[in-house]
Amino acid sequence: MSRLLAIAIFLIAAMPAEAISRYSALQLSCGEITAIIRRDGAAIFRYPSPRRTGLTLYDRYVRHSGYCARHQSLEKVYIPSAGGQCLVQHCVSRPDNCIGALCD
């Protein structure tokens, strides 16, 4: 029995981790962006910086706060899409002196 358990643990450890998907925001409509986030829970979108030529920005955008670490909260932001600006959410670190709902 312990041998079977050891083999099962080895097989589970050898399985590849599920990678987060990455997308170019300017190639997708806002509806497609929000559908991806809703479907996958979290995704990385990249887009050119509006202030600095040649600089690409990217971040991880999430469906809800369950995709954030304990010390993080949600922040709503706009990112560019093929059809204009798109409202999405990402995780941001809270200040060290935050307490529960006072920081949400």
Protein backbone atom coordinates (compact mmCIF):
# COMPACT_ATOMS: atom_id res chain seq x y z
CA MET A 1 0.00 0.00 0.00
CA SER A 2 2.78 2.46 0.88
CA ARG A 3 4.45 1.66 -2.44
CA LEU A 4 1.29 2.63 -4.33
CA LEU A 5 1.09 5.86 -2.35
CA ALA A 6 4.71 6.68 -3.17
CA ILE A 7 4.10 6.05 -6.88
CA ALA A 8 0.95 8.23 -6.83
CA ILE A 9 2.83 11.07 -5.14
CA PHE A 10 5.64 10.79 -7.70
CA LEU A 11 3.19 10.88 -10.62
CA ILE A 12 1.35 13.90 -9.23
CA ALA A 13 4.63 15.76 -8.68
CA ALA A 14 5.73 14.98 -12.24
CA MET A 15 2.58 16.47 -13.79
CA PRO A 16 3.10 19.89 -15.36
CA ALA A 17 1.68 22.88 -13.49
CA GLU A 18 -1.10 24.73 -15.24
CA ALA A 19 0.37 27.90 -16.73
CA ILE A 20 -1.46 31.20 -16.76
CA SER A 21 -2.49 32.35 -20.23
CA ARG A 22 -0.96 35.46 -21.79
CA TYR A 23 -2.66 37.69 -24.36
CA SER A 24 -2.13 40.87 -26.33
CA ALA A 25 -4.94 43.19 -25.19
CA LEU A 26 -4.97 45.24 -28.41
CA GLN A 27 -5.83 42.15 -30.46
CA LEU A 28 -8.98 41.46 -28.42
CA SER A 29 -12.26 43.26 -27.86
CA CYS A 30 -13.27 44.19 -24.32
CA GLY A 31 -15.89 41.44 -24.44
CA GLU A 32 -13.23 38.89 -25.34
CA ILE A 33 -10.94 40.12 -22.54
CA THR A 34 -13.67 39.89 -19.90
CA ALA A 35 -14.75 36.46 -21.22
CA ILE A 36 -11.17 35.15 -20.90
CA ILE A 37 -10.89 36.43 -17.32
CA ARG A 38 -14.31 35.00 -16.42
CA ARG A 39 -13.44 31.62 -18.00
CA ASP A 40 -9.85 31.26 -16.71
CA GLY A 41 -10.12 33.19 -13.45
CA ALA A 42 -6.86 35.02 -14.17
CA ALA A 43 -4.88 35.99 -17.27
CA ILE A 44 -1.95 38.19 -18.21
CA PHE A 45 -2.58 40.95 -20.75
CA ARG A 46 0.14 43.04 -22.38
CA TYR A 47 -0.21 46.34 -24.20
CA PRO A 48 1.99 49.31 -25.21
CA SER A 49 2.57 52.05 -22.64
CA PRO A 50 0.45 55.12 -23.37
CA ARG A 51 3.24 57.38 -22.05
CA ARG A 52 6.48 55.79 -23.20
CA THR A 53 7.08 54.68 -26.79
CA GLY A 54 8.53 51.21 -27.12
CA LEU A 55 7.62 50.13 -23.58
CA THR A 56 5.24 47.20 -23.16
CA LEU A 57 3.16 46.99 -20.00
CA TYR A 58 1.58 43.84 -18.63
CA ASP A 59 -0.21 42.66 -15.54
CA ARG A 60 -2.30 39.79 -14.22
CA TYR A 61 -6.02 40.50 -14.24
CA VAL A 62 -8.44 38.43 -12.16
CA ARG A 63 -12.12 37.48 -11.85
CA HIS A 64 -12.40 38.03 -8.07
CA SER A 65 -10.37 38.53 -4.89
CA GLY A 66 -9.96 34.79 -4.43
CA TYR A 67 -7.18 35.00 -7.03
CA CYS A 68 -5.25 37.52 -4.90
CA ALA A 69 -2.83 36.80 -2.06
CA ARG A 70 -3.95 37.46 1.51
CA HIS A 71 -2.10 40.77 1.69
CA GLN A 72 -3.69 42.00 -1.55
CA SER A 73 -7.01 43.51 -2.53
CA LEU A 74 -8.74 44.19 -5.83
CA GLU A 75 -8.35 47.37 -7.81
CA LYS A 76 -10.39 48.21 -10.90
CA VAL A 77 -8.39 49.62 -13.81
CA TYR A 78 -8.85 50.29 -17.50
CA ILE A 79 -6.62 48.61 -20.06
CA PRO A 80 -6.65 49.24 -23.81
CA SER A 81 -8.43 46.77 -26.06
CA ALA A 82 -9.11 46.57 -29.79
CA GLY A 83 -12.28 48.63 -29.33
CA GLY A 84 -11.17 51.14 -26.67
CA GLN A 85 -10.72 50.97 -22.92
CA CYS A 86 -11.77 47.88 -20.94
CA LEU A 87 -12.56 47.80 -17.21
CA VAL A 88 -10.84 44.87 -15.45
CA GLN A 89 -9.56 44.02 -11.95
CA HIS A 90 -6.08 43.25 -10.70
CA CYS A 91 -4.52 42.48 -7.33
CA VAL A 92 -2.61 45.21 -5.50
CA SER A 93 -0.67 45.04 -2.26
CA ARG A 94 -2.28 46.69 0.74
CA PRO A 95 -0.24 48.92 3.02
CA ASP A 96 1.21 47.17 6.06
CA ASN A 97 -1.12 49.07 8.41
CA CYS A 98 -4.33 47.89 6.73
CA ILE A 99 -6.88 46.02 8.82
CA GLY A 100 -9.53 43.90 7.12
CA ALA A 101 -12.45 45.73 5.53
CA LEU A 102 -10.84 49.15 6.09
CA CYS A 103 -8.56 48.40 3.16
CA ASP A 104 -11.01 46.74 0.76
